[in-house]
């Protein structure tokens, strides 16, 4: 069985934010074999919040056997992903919470995954986004 690129899941308290950041990251990744990216935003009722079910569903949707990088915006999104990882079974094997800024980290993760980087490279690229300077 062929392994595809690392999948990326973007977990936000807002469905609109998760979808927008996913679209931005896909667009900036450009051509070539694009990584699978899924947004898991908002609560189960569609309002603000987080949903373990949406996160697990998104992770399964992007899993191509090379691992899944999960980036979360803040607070309970991070805690929900951590709980899913600790429980085991809900997220695909090789899923990993990545400590990175949400927007810049998502772009770096998707670009790196789209260029064939493995899960360690995707995590490193996303985490390095903390050092991006704007002035």
Protein backbone atom coordinates (compact mmCIF):
# COMPACT_ATOMS: atom_id res chain seq x y z
CA UNK A 1 0.00 0.00 0.00
CA UNK A 2 1.32 3.41 -0.96
CA UNK A 3 1.66 6.04 1.71
CA UNK A 4 0.50 9.51 0.82
CA UNK A 5 1.57 12.80 2.30
CA UNK A 6 1.24 13.71 5.95
CA UNK A 7 -2.29 14.90 6.69
CA UNK A 8 -2.96 18.16 8.49
CA UNK A 9 -5.93 18.90 10.76
CA UNK A 10 -6.69 22.44 11.87
CA UNK A 11 -8.70 22.66 15.09
CA UNK A 12 -10.26 25.99 15.98
CA UNK A 13 -13.07 27.17 18.20
CA UNK A 14 -14.61 28.63 15.05
CA UNK A 15 -15.56 26.62 11.97
CA UNK A 16 -15.08 29.73 9.81
CA UNK A 17 -11.56 30.30 11.15
CA UNK A 18 -10.53 26.66 10.65
CA UNK A 19 -11.91 26.63 7.09
CA UNK A 20 -10.31 29.96 6.20
CA UNK A 21 -6.88 28.97 7.52
CA UNK A 22 -7.14 25.64 5.65
CA UNK A 23 -7.98 27.49 2.42
CA UNK A 24 -5.13 29.95 2.96
CA UNK A 25 -2.62 27.17 3.64
CA UNK A 26 -3.74 25.20 0.57
CA UNK A 27 -3.49 28.29 -1.60
CA UNK A 28 -0.02 29.18 -0.39
CA UNK A 29 1.22 25.60 -0.79
CA UNK A 30 0.85 26.12 -4.54
CA UNK A 31 1.03 23.39 -7.13
CA UNK A 32 2.27 19.85 -6.88
CA UNK A 33 0.87 17.00 -4.85
CA UNK A 34 -1.10 18.80 -2.17
CA UNK A 35 -1.30 17.44 1.34
CA UNK A 36 -4.68 16.51 2.72
CA UNK A 37 -5.97 19.30 4.97
CA UNK A 38 -9.13 19.22 7.06
CA UNK A 39 -10.76 21.85 9.21
CA UNK A 40 -12.30 20.76 12.50
CA UNK A 41 -13.80 23.95 13.83
CA UNK A 42 -16.60 24.78 16.16
CA UNK A 43 -18.71 22.75 18.49
CA UNK A 44 -21.07 19.91 17.62
CA UNK A 45 -23.96 22.36 17.25
CA UNK A 46 -22.05 24.54 14.78
CA UNK A 47 -21.42 27.32 17.28
CA UNK A 48 -18.17 28.28 18.94
CA UNK A 49 -16.39 25.47 20.75
CA UNK A 50 -14.60 22.23 20.05
CA UNK A 51 -15.80 18.76 19.20
CA UNK A 52 -13.86 15.56 19.76
CA UNK A 53 -16.03 13.88 17.13
CA UNK A 54 -15.25 16.51 14.47
CA UNK A 55 -11.53 16.32 15.26
CA UNK A 56 -11.44 12.52 15.04
CA UNK A 57 -13.47 12.54 11.82
CA UNK A 58 -11.14 15.12 10.25
CA UNK A 59 -8.04 13.16 11.27
CA UNK A 60 -9.40 9.95 9.76
CA UNK A 61 -10.30 11.82 6.56
CA UNK A 62 -6.74 13.09 5.97
CA UNK A 63 -4.85 9.98 7.11
CA UNK A 64 -2.90 8.44 4.23
CA UNK A 65 -0.56 6.36 6.38
CA UNK A 66 2.23 8.92 6.81
CA UNK A 67 0.87 10.48 10.00
CA UNK A 68 -1.40 13.36 10.86
CA UNK A 69 -0.24 16.72 12.22
CA UNK A 70 -2.92 18.36 14.36
CA UNK A 71 -2.68 22.09 15.03
CA UNK A 72 -5.05 23.72 17.52
CA UNK A 73 -5.78 27.38 18.12
CA UNK A 74 -6.00 27.59 21.93
CA UNK A 75 -7.37 26.42 25.26
CA UNK A 76 -9.99 23.71 25.04
CA UNK A 77 -9.04 22.86 21.45
CA UNK A 78 -5.60 21.84 22.70
CA UNK A 79 -7.08 19.99 25.68
CA UNK A 80 -9.53 18.11 23.46
CA UNK A 81 -6.76 16.95 21.11
CA UNK A 82 -4.61 15.91 24.08
CA UNK A 83 -7.50 13.90 25.53
CA UNK A 84 -8.08 12.15 22.19
CA UNK A 85 -4.40 11.26 21.96
CA UNK A 86 -4.33 9.93 25.55
CA UNK A 87 -7.48 7.86 25.10
CA UNK A 88 -6.17 6.20 21.97
CA UNK A 89 -8.27 4.68 19.24
CA UNK A 90 -10.12 7.82 18.19
CA UNK A 91 -7.27 9.34 16.19
CA UNK A 92 -5.29 7.44 13.55
CA UNK A 93 -1.99 5.89 14.54
CA UNK A 94 0.70 8.48 13.97
CA UNK A 95 -1.49 11.47 14.82
CA UNK A 96 0.45 14.14 16.67
CA UNK A 97 -0.44 17.45 18.33
CA UNK A 98 1.96 20.06 16.96
CA UNK A 99 2.96 23.02 19.13
CA UNK A 100 2.88 25.88 16.63
CA UNK A 101 1.21 29.23 15.98
CA UNK A 102 -2.11 28.50 14.31
CA UNK A 103 -1.95 30.46 11.06
CA UNK A 104 1.78 30.53 10.34
CA UNK A 105 2.22 26.99 11.63
CA UNK A 106 -0.63 25.70 9.47
CA UNK A 107 0.91 27.23 6.36
CA UNK A 108 4.35 25.82 7.14
CA UNK A 109 2.86 22.39 7.89
CA UNK A 110 0.83 22.22 4.68
CA UNK A 111 3.69 23.49 2.51
CA UNK A 112 6.10 20.97 4.05
CA UNK A 113 3.63 18.08 3.81
CA UNK A 114 2.80 19.02 0.22
CA UNK A 115 6.48 18.91 -0.70
CA UNK A 116 6.79 15.38 0.69
CA UNK A 117 8.11 16.07 4.17
CA UNK A 118 7.59 13.36 6.77
CA UNK A 119 5.75 13.95 10.05
CA UNK A 120 8.91 15.04 11.88
CA UNK A 121 9.69 17.60 9.14
CA UNK A 122 6.09 18.87 9.14
CA UNK A 123 6.17 19.29 12.92
CA UNK A 124 9.56 21.04 12.81
CA UNK A 125 8.47 23.46 10.08
CA UNK A 126 5.25 24.33 11.89
CA UNK A 127 7.02 24.78 15.24
CA UNK A 128 9.69 26.98 13.67
CA UNK A 129 6.94 29.42 12.77
CA UNK A 130 7.14 30.69 16.38
CA UNK A 131 10.40 32.39 15.34
CA UNK A 132 8.91 34.28 12.37
CA UNK A 133 9.57 37.96 12.93
CA UNK A 134 7.35 40.68 11.52
CA UNK A 135 9.55 43.65 12.32
